[in-house]
Each structure stands twice: as C-alpha cells, then as structure tokens.
Protein backbone atom coordinates (compact mmCIF):
# COMPACT_ATOMS: atom_id res chain seq x y z
CA MET A 1 0.00 0.00 0.00
CA ALA A 2 3.08 2.24 -0.02
CA HIS A 3 1.98 3.68 -3.36
CA GLN A 4 -1.44 4.71 -2.08
CA PRO A 5 -2.33 7.03 0.79
CA PRO A 6 -4.32 5.25 3.50
CA PRO A 7 -7.93 6.35 3.74
CA ALA A 8 -9.09 8.39 6.70
CA ILE A 9 -10.96 6.26 9.22
CA GLY A 10 -12.46 7.58 12.45
CA TYR A 11 -12.36 5.43 15.58
CA ARG A 12 -14.32 5.71 18.80
CA LEU A 13 -13.14 3.52 21.66
CA GLN A 14 -15.42 2.96 24.62
CA LEU A 15 -13.41 1.79 27.63
CA VAL A 16 -15.73 -0.09 29.97
CA PRO A 17 -14.89 -0.87 33.61
CA THR A 18 -14.95 -4.49 34.72
CA GLY A 19 -18.39 -5.49 35.93
CA LYS A 20 -20.22 -3.02 33.69
CA PHE A 21 -22.02 -4.00 30.51
CA TRP A 22 -21.58 -2.30 27.18
CA TYR A 23 -21.39 -3.86 23.79
CA GLY A 24 -20.86 -1.95 20.65
CA ARG A 25 -19.17 -2.65 17.38
CA HIS A 26 -20.18 -0.62 14.44
CA VAL A 27 -18.69 0.51 11.18
CA GLY A 28 -20.53 3.28 9.39
CA VAL A 29 -19.90 4.42 5.86
CA GLY A 30 -22.09 7.34 4.91
CA PHE A 31 -22.35 9.53 1.87
CA PHE A 32 -20.29 12.23 3.54
CA GLY A 33 -17.05 11.98 5.46
CA TYR A 34 -14.95 8.95 6.16
CA PRO A 35 -15.74 5.49 7.57
CA ARG A 36 -16.21 5.41 11.33
CA ALA A 37 -15.68 2.40 13.57
CA VAL A 38 -16.89 2.04 17.17
CA TYR A 39 -15.48 -0.56 19.58
CA GLY A 40 -16.05 -1.36 23.24
CA PHE A 41 -13.29 -2.82 25.41
CA HIS A 42 -13.73 -4.37 28.86
CA GLY A 43 -11.14 -4.93 31.52
CA ASN A 44 -9.14 -3.40 34.29
CA ASP A 45 -5.71 -4.72 33.30
CA GLN A 46 -4.02 -1.96 31.31
CA LYS A 47 -1.58 -4.28 29.50
CA VAL A 48 -4.35 -6.65 28.40
CA MET A 49 -6.55 -3.76 27.29
CA GLN A 50 -3.68 -2.14 25.32
CA SER A 51 -3.06 -5.45 23.60
CA GLU A 52 -6.73 -5.96 22.79
CA ILE A 53 -7.11 -2.42 21.43
CA ALA A 54 -4.05 -2.65 19.16
CA ASN A 55 -5.07 -6.10 17.97
CA THR A 56 -8.75 -5.31 17.31
CA ILE A 57 -8.15 -2.01 15.53
CA ALA A 58 -5.51 -3.52 13.24
CA HIS A 59 -7.71 -6.56 12.52
CA GLU A 60 -10.83 -4.56 11.70
CA THR A 61 -8.91 -1.86 9.81
CA LEU A 62 -7.54 -4.54 7.52
CA HIS A 63 -11.11 -5.51 6.60
CA ILE A 64 -12.03 -1.87 5.93
CA TRP A 65 -8.92 -1.25 3.85
CA ALA A 66 -9.41 -4.50 1.92
CA GLU A 67 -12.77 -3.18 0.82
CA LEU A 68 -11.65 0.41 0.17
CA PHE A 69 -8.56 -0.67 -1.78
CA HIS A 70 -10.48 -3.34 -3.72
CA VAL A 71 -8.23 -6.24 -2.75
CA PRO A 72 -8.99 -9.01 -5.27
CA LYS A 73 -11.61 -11.51 -4.13
CA THR A 74 -9.14 -14.36 -4.72
CA ARG A 75 -6.98 -13.04 -1.85
CA ARG A 76 -10.04 -12.58 0.37
CA ALA A 77 -11.76 -15.91 -0.32
CA GLY A 78 -12.63 -18.49 2.33
CA ILE A 79 -10.71 -17.81 5.52
CA ALA A 80 -7.79 -16.04 3.78
CA GLU A 81 -8.87 -12.51 4.71
CA GLU A 82 -9.62 -13.51 8.30
CA GLN A 83 -6.26 -15.21 8.64
CA ILE A 84 -4.41 -12.11 7.40
CA ALA A 85 -6.59 -9.88 9.62
CA TYR A 86 -5.63 -11.92 12.69
CA LEU A 87 -2.01 -11.65 11.59
CA ALA A 88 -2.36 -7.85 11.26
CA GLY A 89 -3.68 -7.76 14.83
CA ALA A 90 -0.79 -9.82 16.17
CA CYS A 91 1.70 -7.72 14.21
CA ALA A 92 0.24 -4.50 15.62
CA ASP A 93 0.23 -5.88 19.16
CA LEU A 94 3.92 -6.79 18.94
CA ALA A 95 4.90 -3.53 17.22
CA ILE A 96 2.98 -1.27 19.62
CA ASN A 97 3.25 -3.08 22.94
CA GLY A 98 6.62 -4.79 22.47
CA THR A 99 5.43 -8.30 23.31
CA LEU A 100 3.07 -10.93 21.98
CA SER A 101 1.72 -13.66 24.23
CA ALA A 102 1.22 -17.20 22.96
CA TYR A 103 -1.43 -17.58 25.67
CA ASP A 104 -3.47 -14.65 24.34
CA MET A 105 -3.14 -15.95 20.79
CA ALA A 106 -4.03 -19.54 21.79
CA VAL A 107 -0.95 -20.74 19.92
CA PRO A 108 -0.52 -24.52 19.99
CA LYS A 109 2.52 -26.02 21.68
CA PRO A 110 5.69 -25.78 19.50
CA LYS A 111 5.38 -29.43 18.48
CA GLY A 112 1.86 -28.75 17.08
CA THR A 113 0.98 -29.78 13.56
CA THR A 114 -0.53 -27.94 10.65
CA PRO A 115 -4.32 -28.17 10.85
CA SER A 116 -6.24 -30.12 8.27
CA ASP A 117 -9.71 -29.15 7.16
CA ALA A 118 -11.00 -31.72 9.64
CA THR A 119 -9.33 -29.99 12.61
CA VAL A 120 -10.69 -26.56 11.72
CA ALA A 121 -14.25 -27.30 12.75
CA GLU A 122 -16.93 -26.21 10.34
CA SER A 123 -19.11 -25.32 13.31
CA ILE A 124 -17.03 -22.24 14.11
CA ASP A 125 -17.49 -19.11 12.05
CA ARG A 126 -15.16 -18.00 9.27
CA SER A 127 -13.43 -15.43 11.47
CA LYS A 128 -12.54 -17.97 14.13
CA GLN A 129 -11.39 -20.43 11.47
CA GLY A 130 -8.96 -17.77 10.21
CA GLY A 131 -7.62 -17.30 13.73
CA VAL A 132 -7.21 -21.04 14.25
CA ALA A 133 -5.38 -21.42 10.93
CA LEU A 134 -3.02 -18.55 11.76
CA ASN A 135 -2.29 -19.89 15.24
CA HIS A 136 -0.97 -23.11 13.73
CA GLU A 137 1.63 -21.10 11.80
CA LEU A 138 2.98 -19.36 14.92
CA PRO A 139 4.58 -21.97 17.23
CA ARG A 140 8.05 -21.49 15.74
CA PHE A 141 8.04 -17.88 16.94
CA PHE A 142 7.47 -19.04 20.51
CA ALA A 143 10.30 -21.60 20.56
CA ASN A 144 12.05 -19.65 23.34
CA GLY A 145 8.98 -19.27 25.55
CA PRO A 146 5.37 -18.07 25.62
CA ILE A 147 6.19 -14.36 25.27
CA LEU A 148 7.63 -13.07 21.99
CA GLN A 149 9.75 -9.94 22.43
CA ARG A 150 9.74 -7.34 19.64
CA ASP A 151 13.52 -6.80 19.83
CA SER A 152 14.47 -10.50 19.88
CA PRO A 153 15.70 -12.38 16.79
CA LEU A 154 12.37 -14.22 16.59
CA GLY A 155 10.53 -10.91 17.07
CA HIS A 156 12.41 -9.45 14.09
CA GLU A 157 11.62 -12.59 12.07
CA PHE A 158 7.94 -12.26 13.00
CA ALA A 159 7.92 -8.57 11.99
CA ALA A 160 9.50 -9.48 8.64
CA MET A 161 6.81 -12.12 8.08
CA CYS A 162 4.16 -9.52 8.95
CA GLN A 163 5.52 -7.08 6.40
CA SER A 164 5.85 -9.74 3.72
CA LYS A 165 2.37 -11.21 4.12
CA LEU A 166 0.58 -7.87 4.53
CA THR A 167 2.43 -6.42 1.52
CA ALA A 168 1.42 -9.43 -0.58
CA PHE A 169 -2.21 -9.14 0.54
CA PHE A 170 -2.44 -5.48 -0.50
CA ALA A 171 -0.26 -5.77 -3.63
CA PRO A 172 -1.88 -4.26 -6.75
C-alpha cells in the first residue's frame, strides 16, 4: 500500500470498567465523510486492554482497507482474509506493545501440527477459522517461551513475516 495514501478512518473507543455491561461494534460508511468504527473494550488490566485495542483495531482496519482498496476476491476468499486480519492484529500488538503472548493468541505447543480441514471445525465461524489457521503457523516464533519480544531475533523474524504477508495481501 506504499503507493497509495491510506484512507481516513475515524475510531471511537469505549473503555468499559470491569463489571459493567456495554457492547458496541459498528462501522458506518455514509455519503459524507470517512468510515467510522466504534469498539467497546472491557477490563481493568491496562496491558491486556492495550493489547486488545491494538489487535482489534488492526484486525478490523484490515477488513475496511481490503474493501476500500479493492483487494482481489481471490486473496479474500474463504478464511484467507480472516487469517491475514488476525495476523495484522498480532503484528500490531507486537509492534505497539513490544510483546506478543502465545497464551493470548491460543498458539498450539511448539510441536503442534498444521491443521487439516477436519481440525478446523466447520461449526465455528469463518473469522474464528482464520484465527485457528493462523495460530498453527505461529509456534516457531514461541520456541524460546510463551512471550515473543519485539527486539528479539524471533521478534524481528515475525515482523519481517508480517511485512511480507501484509504487503502481498495489499499488492496491486
């Protein structure tokens, strides 16, 4: 996307204290102005909330940009767009917060195998299937422990993979 300016997108984040109820997720595209996205985040742990905010905004922004930049349907088919959206979220979390937790990502143990169609249950929605498929690609980045550090060799390798895959997804 380096050859195109990113579109303006407005975000409204609603931070909700633990124990209180609020649910809201909305993307509005009107005739005037720019797309607007609204998200609610629960929790009282600042680190967890920062991670969730970075991850969610990157994930959902990828979907918005895929539509606005007319990413070919072949790159968006099946669970492909969801898988790259989950990757964008993980990439943003690592880049912004400096760490990525295998526990938060539900990454299988390092000796995990690549999932077959049978292991990605049809009963879960397409978004979750994309997350499951991505998580089976990640164990090698957590070979040194459950927390990936941005400035570690594996963190740099992960960032390079992020750039490569996201660049390929948005390539003209």
